[in-house]
Amino acid sequence: MDTPSSKIDKLISTATDLFMRHGIRRVSIDEICRKANVSKMTFYKHFPNKIELAKYIVIQLNEDAMVEYRSIMEANIPYVEKVQQIVDMKICITENMSQEFFNELTLDSLSEIHDLLIRYRQANMQAIIDDFSKAQQKGDIRQDIHPQFLLYILNKIIEMSTDKQLLLLYDSPKKITAELVKFFFYGIVAQSNQRQGA
């Protein structure tokens, strides 16, 4: 027999899956309840409407992503590997999203969700910029590059990792990200030539 907590967990996981695949607008409360096998009374006991459920899910997705990000940053691995794992993590998150859901999160079509995401994005960006600054102080990355520029390039790497033309050149997206991250850190000049030019 389902306990109240298992019912709400099922409701949230079902809604997450449906929103990710079809977008928030296209999914109805009836559909969520039917697929989760919970009553509408259970739904309304926990969430006043679909938007509040979507906001709860967006918060959870962001918090889970930041826990994973922190775990990567605290790992005892070279900084290059940390950046590659972060890029892979971000790609994995967006790969599971339909275009509809992605648009609803990034465009101002659902203002409450969009505003919430903007606040989280600003906080997350600041955390990443702070980590770049710490890495510069430790000597992991060059000190003469603005941390915000590094963040901008990191986001471009994530965009490029899903480029269809680039995907044709590699066996897997992970190989693309490895190459892009290497390029980000080392450029195209061989390390022996870098030492000679120093």
N, C-alpha and C. Protein backbone atom coordinates (compact mmCIF):
# COMPACT_ATOMS: atom_id res chain seq x y z
N MET A 1 0.84 -1.20 0.00
CA MET A 1 0.00 0.00 0.00
C MET A 1 0.88 1.26 0.00
N ASP A 2 0.50 2.24 -0.83
CA ASP A 2 1.28 3.47 -0.93
C ASP A 2 1.12 4.32 0.32
N THR A 3 2.24 4.78 0.87
CA THR A 3 2.21 5.72 1.99
C THR A 3 2.03 7.13 1.42
N PRO A 4 1.62 8.11 2.25
CA PRO A 4 1.47 9.49 1.74
C PRO A 4 2.77 10.02 1.12
N SER A 5 3.94 9.71 1.74
CA SER A 5 5.20 10.21 1.20
C SER A 5 5.55 9.56 -0.13
N SER A 6 5.23 8.25 -0.28
CA SER A 6 5.54 7.59 -1.55
C SER A 6 4.61 8.11 -2.65
N LYS A 7 3.37 8.49 -2.29
CA LYS A 7 2.44 9.05 -3.28
C LYS A 7 2.95 10.41 -3.80
N ILE A 8 3.40 11.24 -2.88
CA ILE A 8 3.88 12.56 -3.31
C ILE A 8 5.17 12.42 -4.11
N ASP A 9 6.03 11.47 -3.72
CA ASP A 9 7.26 11.22 -4.48
C ASP A 9 6.93 10.77 -5.90
N LYS A 10 5.94 9.90 -6.01
CA LYS A 10 5.51 9.41 -7.33
C LYS A 10 4.92 10.54 -8.16
N LEU A 11 4.13 11.39 -7.51
CA LEU A 11 3.53 12.55 -8.18
C LEU A 11 4.62 13.47 -8.74
N ILE A 12 5.63 13.76 -7.93
CA ILE A 12 6.71 14.66 -8.34
C ILE A 12 7.55 14.04 -9.45
N SER A 13 7.92 12.76 -9.29
CA SER A 13 8.75 12.11 -10.32
C SER A 13 8.01 11.98 -11.65
N THR A 14 6.71 11.70 -11.58
CA THR A 14 5.89 11.61 -12.80
C THR A 14 5.78 12.97 -13.48
N ALA A 15 5.50 14.00 -12.69
CA ALA A 15 5.39 15.35 -13.24
C ALA A 15 6.72 15.80 -13.85
N THR A 16 7.82 15.49 -13.18
CA THR A 16 9.15 15.85 -13.71
C THR A 16 9.36 15.22 -15.07
N ASP A 17 9.06 13.93 -15.17
CA ASP A 17 9.23 13.21 -16.43
C ASP A 17 8.34 13.80 -17.53
N LEU A 18 7.09 14.07 -17.21
CA LEU A 18 6.14 14.61 -18.20
C LEU A 18 6.54 16.03 -18.63
N PHE A 19 6.91 16.86 -17.67
CA PHE A 19 7.34 18.23 -18.00
C PHE A 19 8.58 18.22 -18.87
N MET A 20 9.54 17.36 -18.52
CA MET A 20 10.79 17.30 -19.29
C MET A 20 10.53 16.86 -20.73
N ARG A 21 9.59 15.93 -20.90
CA ARG A 21 9.32 15.39 -22.24
C ARG A 21 8.38 16.26 -23.08
N HIS A 22 7.41 16.91 -22.43
CA HIS A 22 6.37 17.61 -23.19
C HIS A 22 6.26 19.10 -22.90
N GLY A 23 6.96 19.58 -21.88
CA GLY A 23 6.80 20.97 -21.48
C GLY A 23 5.71 21.10 -20.43
N ILE A 24 5.72 22.21 -19.72
CA ILE A 24 4.76 22.42 -18.62
C ILE A 24 3.36 22.72 -19.15
N ARG A 25 3.27 23.57 -20.18
CA ARG A 25 1.97 23.98 -20.70
C ARG A 25 1.13 22.80 -21.19
N ARG A 26 1.77 21.87 -21.90
CA ARG A 26 1.03 20.79 -22.57
C ARG A 26 0.55 19.71 -21.61
N VAL A 27 1.14 19.65 -20.41
CA VAL A 27 0.79 18.58 -19.45
C VAL A 27 -0.29 19.09 -18.51
N SER A 28 -1.33 18.29 -18.33
CA SER A 28 -2.43 18.69 -17.44
C SER A 28 -2.29 18.01 -16.07
N ILE A 29 -2.96 18.58 -15.09
CA ILE A 29 -2.99 17.97 -13.75
C ILE A 29 -3.63 16.59 -13.83
N ASP A 30 -4.68 16.45 -14.64
CA ASP A 30 -5.34 15.15 -14.82
C ASP A 30 -4.35 14.10 -15.30
N GLU A 31 -3.53 14.47 -16.29
CA GLU A 31 -2.55 13.53 -16.85
C GLU A 31 -1.51 13.13 -15.80
N ILE A 32 -1.03 14.12 -15.04
CA ILE A 32 -0.04 13.83 -14.00
C ILE A 32 -0.62 12.85 -12.98
N CYS A 33 -1.84 13.13 -12.51
CA CYS A 33 -2.47 12.28 -11.49
C CYS A 33 -2.74 10.87 -12.02
N ARG A 34 -3.20 10.80 -13.28
CA ARG A 34 -3.50 9.50 -13.87
C ARG A 34 -2.23 8.65 -13.99
N LYS A 35 -1.15 9.25 -14.52
CA LYS A 35 0.10 8.49 -14.72
C LYS A 35 0.78 8.15 -13.40
N ALA A 36 0.62 9.03 -12.39
CA ALA A 36 1.22 8.78 -11.08
C ALA A 36 0.35 7.87 -10.21
N ASN A 37 -0.88 7.63 -10.69
CA ASN A 37 -1.85 6.81 -9.95
C ASN A 37 -2.15 7.41 -8.57
N VAL A 38 -2.35 8.73 -8.56
CA VAL A 38 -2.75 9.42 -7.33
C VAL A 38 -4.00 10.25 -7.63
N SER A 39 -4.74 10.57 -6.60
CA SER A 39 -5.98 11.34 -6.79
C SER A 39 -5.67 12.83 -6.92
N LYS A 40 -6.62 13.54 -7.52
CA LYS A 40 -6.47 15.00 -7.62
C LYS A 40 -6.51 15.63 -6.23
N MET A 41 -7.20 14.98 -5.31
CA MET A 41 -7.26 15.48 -3.93
C MET A 41 -5.84 15.47 -3.33
N THR A 42 -5.08 14.40 -3.61
CA THR A 42 -3.69 14.32 -3.13
C THR A 42 -2.86 15.42 -3.76
N PHE A 43 -3.06 15.65 -5.05
CA PHE A 43 -2.34 16.73 -5.74
C PHE A 43 -2.59 18.07 -5.04
N TYR A 44 -3.87 18.42 -4.88
CA TYR A 44 -4.22 19.74 -4.34
C TYR A 44 -3.91 19.88 -2.85
N LYS A 45 -3.71 18.76 -2.19
CA LYS A 45 -3.30 18.80 -0.79
C LYS A 45 -1.88 19.35 -0.66
N HIS A 46 -1.06 19.11 -1.70
CA HIS A 46 0.35 19.50 -1.66
C HIS A 46 0.68 20.71 -2.54
N PHE A 47 -0.06 20.87 -3.64
CA PHE A 47 0.23 21.97 -4.58
C PHE A 47 -1.07 22.66 -4.98
N PRO A 48 -1.11 24.00 -4.89
CA PRO A 48 -2.36 24.69 -5.25
C PRO A 48 -2.67 24.66 -6.75
N ASN A 49 -1.61 24.49 -7.58
CA ASN A 49 -1.81 24.45 -9.03
C ASN A 49 -0.57 23.84 -9.70
N LYS A 50 -0.65 23.70 -11.00
CA LYS A 50 0.44 23.07 -11.77
C LYS A 50 1.71 23.92 -11.76
N ILE A 51 1.57 25.24 -11.79
CA ILE A 51 2.74 26.13 -11.81
C ILE A 51 3.54 26.00 -10.52
N GLU A 52 2.85 25.88 -9.39
CA GLU A 52 3.57 25.72 -8.11
C GLU A 52 4.32 24.39 -8.07
N LEU A 53 3.73 23.34 -8.65
CA LEU A 53 4.43 22.05 -8.76
C LEU A 53 5.65 22.21 -9.66
N ALA A 54 5.49 22.89 -10.78
CA ALA A 54 6.61 23.10 -11.71
C ALA A 54 7.73 23.89 -11.03
N LYS A 55 7.37 24.91 -10.24
CA LYS A 55 8.37 25.70 -9.52
C LYS A 55 9.13 24.83 -8.53
N TYR A 56 8.40 23.97 -7.82
CA TYR A 56 9.03 23.05 -6.87
C TYR A 56 10.05 22.16 -7.59
N ILE A 57 9.67 21.66 -8.76
CA ILE A 57 10.55 20.77 -9.53
C ILE A 57 11.77 21.52 -10.04
N VAL A 58 11.57 22.74 -10.53
CA VAL A 58 12.70 23.56 -11.01
C VAL A 58 13.69 23.82 -9.87
N ILE A 59 13.17 24.11 -8.68
CA ILE A 59 14.04 24.33 -7.52
C ILE A 59 14.84 23.06 -7.22
N GLN A 60 14.15 21.90 -7.22
CA GLN A 60 14.83 20.63 -6.93
C GLN A 60 15.92 20.32 -7.96
N LEU A 61 15.60 20.54 -9.24
CA LEU A 61 16.57 20.28 -10.30
C LEU A 61 17.81 21.15 -10.13
N ASN A 62 17.59 22.42 -9.79
CA ASN A 62 18.70 23.35 -9.60
C ASN A 62 19.53 22.97 -8.37
N GLU A 63 18.86 22.62 -7.29
CA GLU A 63 19.59 22.27 -6.07
C GLU A 63 20.38 20.97 -6.25
N ASP A 64 19.78 20.00 -6.93
CA ASP A 64 20.49 18.75 -7.22
C ASP A 64 21.72 19.00 -8.08
N ALA A 65 21.57 19.89 -9.08
CA ALA A 65 22.69 20.22 -9.97
C ALA A 65 23.82 20.90 -9.20
N MET A 66 23.46 21.77 -8.24
CA MET A 66 24.49 22.45 -7.46
C MET A 66 25.19 21.51 -6.50
N VAL A 67 24.48 20.52 -5.98
CA VAL A 67 25.12 19.50 -5.12
C VAL A 67 26.14 18.72 -5.95
N GLU A 68 25.74 18.34 -7.17
CA GLU A 68 26.65 17.61 -8.05
C GLU A 68 27.85 18.48 -8.44
N TYR A 69 27.59 19.76 -8.73
CA TYR A 69 28.66 20.69 -9.08
C TYR A 69 29.67 20.81 -7.93
N ARG A 70 29.15 20.99 -6.69
CA ARG A 70 30.03 21.11 -5.53
C ARG A 70 30.87 19.85 -5.34
N SER A 71 30.24 18.69 -5.55
CA SER A 71 30.95 17.41 -5.41
C SER A 71 32.12 17.32 -6.40
N ILE A 72 31.88 17.81 -7.63
CA ILE A 72 32.95 17.82 -8.64
C ILE A 72 34.07 18.78 -8.22
N MET A 73 33.69 19.98 -7.78
CA MET A 73 34.68 20.99 -7.42
C MET A 73 35.52 20.58 -6.22
N GLU A 74 34.95 19.78 -5.33
CA GLU A 74 35.68 19.36 -4.13
C GLU A 74 36.47 18.07 -4.34
N ALA A 75 36.29 17.45 -5.51
CA ALA A 75 37.00 16.20 -5.79
C ALA A 75 38.51 16.44 -5.94
N ASN A 76 39.29 15.45 -5.56
CA ASN A 76 40.75 15.55 -5.63
C ASN A 76 41.22 15.08 -7.02
N ILE A 77 40.89 15.88 -8.03
CA ILE A 77 41.26 15.57 -9.42
C ILE A 77 41.80 16.84 -10.07
N PRO A 78 42.57 16.71 -11.18
CA PRO A 78 43.09 17.91 -11.84
C PRO A 78 41.95 18.86 -12.27
N TYR A 79 42.25 20.15 -12.31
CA TYR A 79 41.23 21.16 -12.61
C TYR A 79 40.62 20.96 -13.99
N VAL A 80 41.42 20.51 -14.94
CA VAL A 80 40.91 20.26 -16.30
C VAL A 80 39.79 19.21 -16.25
N GLU A 81 39.99 18.16 -15.46
CA GLU A 81 38.98 17.10 -15.34
C GLU A 81 37.71 17.64 -14.68
N LYS A 82 37.88 18.54 -13.71
CA LYS A 82 36.71 19.14 -13.06
C LYS A 82 35.86 19.88 -14.09
N VAL A 83 36.52 20.68 -14.92
CA VAL A 83 35.79 21.46 -15.93
C VAL A 83 35.08 20.51 -16.91
N GLN A 84 35.78 19.45 -17.32
CA GLN A 84 35.16 18.51 -18.26
C GLN A 84 33.93 17.84 -17.63
N GLN A 85 34.03 17.45 -16.37
CA GLN A 85 32.89 16.83 -15.69
C GLN A 85 31.71 17.79 -15.55
N ILE A 86 32.01 19.06 -15.31
CA ILE A 86 30.95 20.07 -15.21
C ILE A 86 30.24 20.24 -16.55
N VAL A 87 31.02 20.30 -17.64
CA VAL A 87 30.44 20.41 -18.98
C VAL A 87 29.57 19.18 -19.27
N ASP A 88 30.10 17.98 -18.99
CA ASP A 88 29.34 16.74 -19.21
C ASP A 88 28.05 16.74 -18.40
N MET A 89 28.12 17.21 -17.15
CA MET A 89 26.94 17.27 -16.29
C MET A 89 25.87 18.17 -16.89
N LYS A 90 26.28 19.37 -17.34
CA LYS A 90 25.33 20.33 -17.91
C LYS A 90 24.70 19.78 -19.19
N ILE A 91 25.50 19.10 -20.01
CA ILE A 91 24.97 18.51 -21.24
C ILE A 91 23.96 17.42 -20.91
N CYS A 92 24.29 16.60 -19.92
CA CYS A 92 23.39 15.51 -19.51
C CYS A 92 22.04 16.07 -19.05
N ILE A 93 22.06 17.17 -18.32
CA ILE A 93 20.81 17.79 -17.84
C ILE A 93 19.97 18.26 -19.02
N THR A 94 20.59 18.97 -19.97
CA THR A 94 19.82 19.53 -21.09
C THR A 94 19.40 18.45 -22.09
N GLU A 95 20.17 17.35 -22.19
CA GLU A 95 19.82 16.27 -23.12
C GLU A 95 18.47 15.66 -22.80
N ASN A 96 18.12 15.63 -21.50
CA ASN A 96 16.87 15.01 -21.08
C ASN A 96 15.66 15.94 -21.20
N MET A 97 15.90 17.18 -21.65
CA MET A 97 14.81 18.15 -21.77
C MET A 97 14.28 18.22 -23.20
N SER A 98 12.97 18.28 -23.32
CA SER A 98 12.39 18.54 -24.65
C SER A 98 12.62 20.01 -24.98
N GLN A 99 12.50 20.34 -26.26
CA GLN A 99 12.65 21.74 -26.68
C GLN A 99 11.59 22.62 -26.01
N GLU A 100 10.37 22.06 -25.85
CA GLU A 100 9.29 22.82 -25.23
C GLU A 100 9.66 23.21 -23.79
N PHE A 101 10.15 22.23 -23.03
CA PHE A 101 10.50 22.49 -21.64
C PHE A 101 11.67 23.47 -21.56
N PHE A 102 12.66 23.27 -22.42
CA PHE A 102 13.83 24.16 -22.45
C PHE A 102 13.39 25.60 -22.74
N ASN A 103 12.50 25.77 -23.74
CA ASN A 103 12.01 27.11 -24.10
C ASN A 103 11.24 27.75 -22.95
N GLU A 104 10.43 26.93 -22.27
CA GLU A 104 9.65 27.47 -21.15
C GLU A 104 10.56 27.94 -20.01
N LEU A 105 11.70 27.28 -19.85
CA LEU A 105 12.64 27.68 -18.80
C LEU A 105 13.46 28.90 -19.20
N THR A 106 13.81 28.98 -20.47
CA THR A 106 14.75 30.03 -20.90
C THR A 106 14.07 31.27 -21.49
N LEU A 107 12.89 31.10 -22.08
CA LEU A 107 12.17 32.25 -22.63
C LEU A 107 11.12 32.70 -21.62
N ASP A 108 10.65 33.90 -21.78
CA ASP A 108 9.72 34.46 -20.79
C ASP A 108 8.28 34.08 -21.13
N SER A 109 8.04 32.81 -21.44
CA SER A 109 6.68 32.39 -21.78
C SER A 109 5.88 32.02 -20.54
N LEU A 110 6.57 31.52 -19.51
CA LEU A 110 5.94 31.27 -18.22
C LEU A 110 6.70 32.12 -17.21
N SER A 111 6.23 33.34 -17.00
CA SER A 111 7.02 34.35 -16.28
C SER A 111 7.43 33.93 -14.87
N GLU A 112 6.54 33.24 -14.14
CA GLU A 112 6.88 32.83 -12.77
C GLU A 112 8.05 31.86 -12.76
N ILE A 113 8.03 30.90 -13.69
CA ILE A 113 9.11 29.90 -13.79
C ILE A 113 10.38 30.59 -14.26
N HIS A 114 10.23 31.44 -15.27
CA HIS A 114 11.38 32.14 -15.84
C HIS A 114 12.07 33.01 -14.78
N ASP A 115 11.29 33.76 -14.02
CA ASP A 115 11.86 34.64 -12.98
C ASP A 115 12.59 33.83 -11.91
N LEU A 116 11.99 32.70 -11.53
CA LEU A 116 12.62 31.82 -10.54
C LEU A 116 13.96 31.31 -11.05
N LEU A 117 13.96 30.89 -12.31
CA LEU A 117 15.19 30.34 -12.91
C LEU A 117 16.27 31.41 -13.03
N ILE A 118 15.87 32.63 -13.36
CA ILE A 118 16.84 33.74 -13.46
C ILE A 118 17.54 33.94 -12.11
N ARG A 119 16.76 33.90 -11.02
CA ARG A 119 17.36 34.09 -9.68
C ARG A 119 18.35 32.98 -9.37
N TYR A 120 17.98 31.74 -9.69
CA TYR A 120 18.89 30.61 -9.46
C TYR A 120 20.12 30.72 -10.34
N ARG A 121 19.90 31.09 -11.60
CA ARG A 121 21.02 31.19 -12.54
C ARG A 121 22.03 32.23 -12.08
N GLN A 122 21.55 33.36 -11.59
CA GLN A 122 22.45 34.41 -11.10
C GLN A 122 23.28 33.92 -9.92
N ALA A 123 22.63 33.21 -8.99
CA ALA A 123 23.34 32.67 -7.83
C ALA A 123 24.36 31.62 -8.26
N ASN A 124 23.96 30.75 -9.20
CA ASN A 124 24.86 29.69 -9.68
C ASN A 124 26.06 30.29 -10.42
N MET A 125 25.79 31.30 -11.26
CA MET A 125 26.86 31.95 -12.01
C MET A 125 27.87 32.60 -11.06
N GLN A 126 27.35 33.22 -9.99
CA GLN A 126 28.24 33.86 -9.03
C GLN A 126 29.12 32.81 -8.34
N ALA A 127 28.53 31.65 -8.02
CA ALA A 127 29.30 30.57 -7.38
C ALA A 127 30.41 30.08 -8.31
N ILE A 128 30.11 29.95 -9.61
CA ILE A 128 31.11 29.48 -10.58
C ILE A 128 32.21 30.53 -10.75
N ILE A 129 31.82 31.81 -10.83
CA ILE A 129 32.80 32.89 -10.96
C ILE A 129 33.72 32.91 -9.73
N ASP A 130 33.14 32.74 -8.54
CA ASP A 130 33.94 32.69 -7.31
C ASP A 130 34.93 31.53 -7.35
N ASP A 131 34.47 30.37 -7.88
CA ASP A 131 35.36 29.21 -7.98
C ASP A 131 36.48 29.44 -8.99
N PHE A 132 36.18 30.13 -10.10
CA PHE A 132 37.23 30.49 -11.05
C PHE A 132 38.27 31.40 -10.38
N SER A 133 37.80 32.35 -9.58
CA SER A 133 38.72 33.26 -8.88
C SER A 133 39.62 32.50 -7.91
N LYS A 134 39.02 31.53 -7.18
CA LYS A 134 39.82 30.70 -6.26
C LYS A 134 40.85 29.88 -7.03
N ALA A 135 40.44 29.35 -8.19
CA ALA A 135 41.36 28.55 -9.02
C ALA A 135 42.51 29.42 -9.53
N GLN A 136 42.21 30.69 -9.82
CA GLN A 136 43.27 31.62 -10.25
C GLN A 136 44.26 31.87 -9.11
N GLN A 137 43.74 32.04 -7.90
CA GLN A 137 44.60 32.28 -6.74
C GLN A 137 45.49 31.07 -6.45
N LYS A 138 44.95 29.88 -6.68
CA LYS A 138 45.73 28.65 -6.44
C LYS A 138 46.71 28.36 -7.58
N GLY A 139 46.56 29.05 -8.71
CA GLY A 139 47.43 28.82 -9.84
C GLY A 139 46.95 27.72 -10.78
N ASP A 140 45.68 27.29 -10.62
CA ASP A 140 45.13 26.26 -11.52
C ASP A 140 44.83 26.82 -12.90
N ILE A 141 44.46 28.10 -12.96
CA ILE A 141 44.21 28.77 -14.23
C ILE A 141 44.87 30.15 -14.22
N ARG A 142 45.07 30.70 -15.41
CA ARG A 142 45.76 31.99 -15.55
C ARG A 142 45.03 33.10 -14.80
N GLN A 143 45.83 34.01 -14.23
CA GLN A 143 45.26 35.11 -13.46
C GLN A 143 44.93 36.33 -14.31
N ASP A 144 45.40 36.33 -15.56
CA ASP A 144 45.20 37.53 -16.40
C ASP A 144 43.95 37.45 -17.27
N ILE A 145 43.02 36.53 -16.95
CA ILE A 145 41.76 36.40 -17.69
C ILE A 145 40.61 36.64 -16.72
N HIS A 146 39.66 37.45 -17.13
CA HIS A 146 38.53 37.78 -16.26
C HIS A 146 37.66 36.53 -16.02
N PRO A 147 37.31 36.23 -14.76
CA PRO A 147 36.48 35.04 -14.48
C PRO A 147 35.15 35.02 -15.24
N GLN A 148 34.55 36.20 -15.47
CA GLN A 148 33.28 36.24 -16.21
C GLN A 148 33.47 35.83 -17.68
N PHE A 149 34.65 36.15 -18.23
CA PHE A 149 34.96 35.71 -19.59
C PHE A 149 35.10 34.19 -19.62
N LEU A 150 35.73 33.62 -18.59
CA LEU A 150 35.88 32.16 -18.50
C LEU A 150 34.51 31.48 -18.45
N LEU A 151 33.59 32.08 -17.68
CA LEU A 151 32.23 31.52 -17.59
C LEU A 151 31.54 31.61 -18.95
N TYR A 152 31.70 32.73 -19.65
CA TYR A 152 31.11 32.90 -20.97
C TYR A 152 31.61 31.80 -21.93
N ILE A 153 32.93 31.57 -21.92
CA ILE A 153 33.52 30.55 -22.79
C ILE A 153 33.03 29.16 -22.40
N LEU A 154 32.93 28.91 -21.10
CA LEU A 154 32.44 27.61 -20.63
C LEU A 154 31.04 27.35 -21.17
N ASN A 155 30.18 28.36 -21.14
CA ASN A 155 28.82 28.21 -21.68
C ASN A 155 28.84 27.97 -23.19
N LYS A 156 29.79 28.61 -23.89
CA LYS A 156 29.93 28.39 -25.34
C LYS A 156 30.38 26.95 -25.63
N ILE A 157 31.25 26.41 -24.77
CA ILE A 157 31.69 25.01 -24.92
C ILE A 157 30.49 24.08 -24.81
N ILE A 158 29.61 24.37 -23.84
CA ILE A 158 28.41 23.54 -23.67
C ILE A 158 27.53 23.62 -24.91
N GLU A 159 27.37 24.82 -25.47
CA GLU A 159 26.60 24.98 -26.72
C GLU A 159 27.23 24.18 -27.85
N MET A 160 28.55 24.33 -28.01
CA MET A 160 29.26 23.66 -29.11
C MET A 160 29.21 22.14 -28.99
N SER A 161 29.11 21.63 -27.77
CA SER A 161 29.10 20.18 -27.55
C SER A 161 27.88 19.51 -28.16
N THR A 162 26.82 20.30 -28.41
CA THR A 162 25.60 19.74 -29.00
C THR A 162 25.44 20.15 -30.47
N ASP A 163 26.47 20.76 -31.03
CA ASP A 163 26.43 21.18 -32.44
C ASP A 163 26.38 19.95 -33.35
N LYS A 164 25.39 19.91 -34.25
CA LYS A 164 25.19 18.71 -35.09
C LYS A 164 26.37 18.43 -36.01
N GLN A 165 26.96 19.48 -36.57
CA GLN A 165 28.11 19.28 -37.46
C GLN A 165 29.30 18.72 -36.71
N LEU A 166 29.50 19.22 -35.50
CA LEU A 166 30.62 18.74 -34.68
C LEU A 166 30.38 17.30 -34.24
N LEU A 167 29.14 16.96 -33.96
CA LEU A 167 28.80 15.60 -33.55
C LEU A 167 29.16 14.56 -34.62
N LEU A 168 29.13 14.98 -35.90
CA LEU A 168 29.48 14.06 -36.99
C LEU A 168 30.95 13.65 -36.97
N LEU A 169 31.79 14.45 -36.33
CA LEU A 169 33.23 14.18 -36.31
C LEU A 169 33.67 13.23 -35.20
N TYR A 170 32.78 12.97 -34.25
CA TYR A 170 33.16 12.20 -33.05
C TYR A 170 32.20 11.04 -32.81
N ASP A 171 32.70 10.04 -32.07
CA ASP A 171 31.88 8.87 -31.73
C ASP A 171 30.83 9.19 -30.67
N SER A 172 31.16 10.14 -29.79
CA SER A 172 30.24 10.45 -28.69
C SER A 172 30.40 11.90 -28.25
N PRO A 173 29.35 12.47 -27.63
CA PRO A 173 29.45 13.84 -27.12
C PRO A 173 30.57 14.00 -26.09
N LYS A 174 30.86 12.94 -25.32
CA LYS A 174 31.92 13.02 -24.30
C LYS A 174 33.27 13.29 -24.94
N LYS A 175 33.50 12.71 -26.13
CA LYS A 175 34.77 12.95 -26.83
C LYS A 175 34.86 14.40 -27.30
N ILE A 176 33.72 14.96 -27.69
CA ILE A 176 33.69 16.37 -28.10
C ILE A 176 34.04 17.25 -26.90
N THR A 177 33.39 16.99 -25.76
CA THR A 177 33.64 17.84 -24.60
C THR A 177 35.10 17.73 -24.15
N ALA A 178 35.67 16.53 -24.22
CA ALA A 178 37.09 16.35 -23.83
C ALA A 178 37.97 17.21 -24.73
N GLU A 179 37.69 17.20 -26.03
CA GLU A 179 38.48 17.98 -26.98
C GLU A 179 38.31 19.49 -26.76
N LEU A 180 37.06 19.90 -26.55
CA LEU A 180 36.78 21.33 -26.35
C LEU A 180 37.43 21.84 -25.07
N VAL A 181 37.37 21.03 -24.01
CA VAL A 181 37.98 21.45 -22.74
C VAL A 181 39.50 21.52 -22.87
N LYS A 182 40.08 20.55 -23.58
CA LYS A 182 41.54 20.61 -23.82
C LYS A 182 41.90 21.87 -24.59
N PHE A 183 41.09 22.17 -25.61
CA PHE A 183 41.33 23.38 -26.41
C PHE A 183 41.19 24.63 -25.55
N PHE A 184 40.18 24.63 -24.69
CA PHE A 184 39.93 25.75 -23.77
C PHE A 184 41.16 26.00 -22.89
N PHE A 185 41.77 24.93 -22.40
CA PHE A 185 42.90 25.08 -21.48
C PHE A 185 44.24 25.26 -22.17
N TYR A 186 44.44 24.56 -23.30
CA TYR A 186 45.79 24.51 -23.87
C TYR A 186 45.92 25.16 -25.24
N GLY A 187 44.80 25.51 -25.90
CA GLY A 187 44.89 26.11 -27.23
C GLY A 187 45.35 25.09 -28.26
N ILE A 188 45.95 25.58 -29.35
CA ILE A 188 46.39 24.66 -30.41
C ILE A 188 47.92 24.53 -30.48
N VAL A 189 48.63 25.34 -29.70
CA VAL A 189 50.10 25.29 -29.74
C VAL A 189 50.59 24.15 -28.87
N ALA A 190 51.50 23.32 -29.41
CA ALA A 190 52.06 22.20 -28.65
C ALA A 190 52.75 22.73 -27.40
N GLN A 191 52.69 21.95 -26.31
CA GLN A 191 53.24 22.41 -25.04
C GLN A 191 54.74 22.69 -25.13
N SER A 192 55.47 21.93 -25.95
CA SER A 192 56.91 22.18 -26.10
C SER A 192 57.13 23.56 -26.74
N ASN A 193 56.27 23.94 -27.71
CA ASN A 193 56.37 25.26 -28.34
C ASN A 193 55.97 26.37 -27.38
N GLN A 194 55.02 26.07 -26.48
CA GLN A 194 54.61 27.06 -25.48
C GLN A 194 55.80 27.39 -24.58
N ARG A 195 56.55 26.35 -24.19
CA ARG A 195 57.71 26.58 -23.31
C ARG A 195 58.78 27.39 -24.02
N GLN A 196 59.00 27.11 -25.34
CA GLN A 196 60.00 27.85 -26.10
C GLN A 196 59.62 29.32 -26.24
N GLY A 197 58.30 29.57 -26.41
CA GLY A 197 57.84 30.95 -26.61
C GLY A 197 57.75 31.73 -25.30
N ALA A 198 57.86 31.03 -24.17
CA ALA A 198 57.72 31.70 -22.88
C ALA A 198 58.94 32.57 -22.57
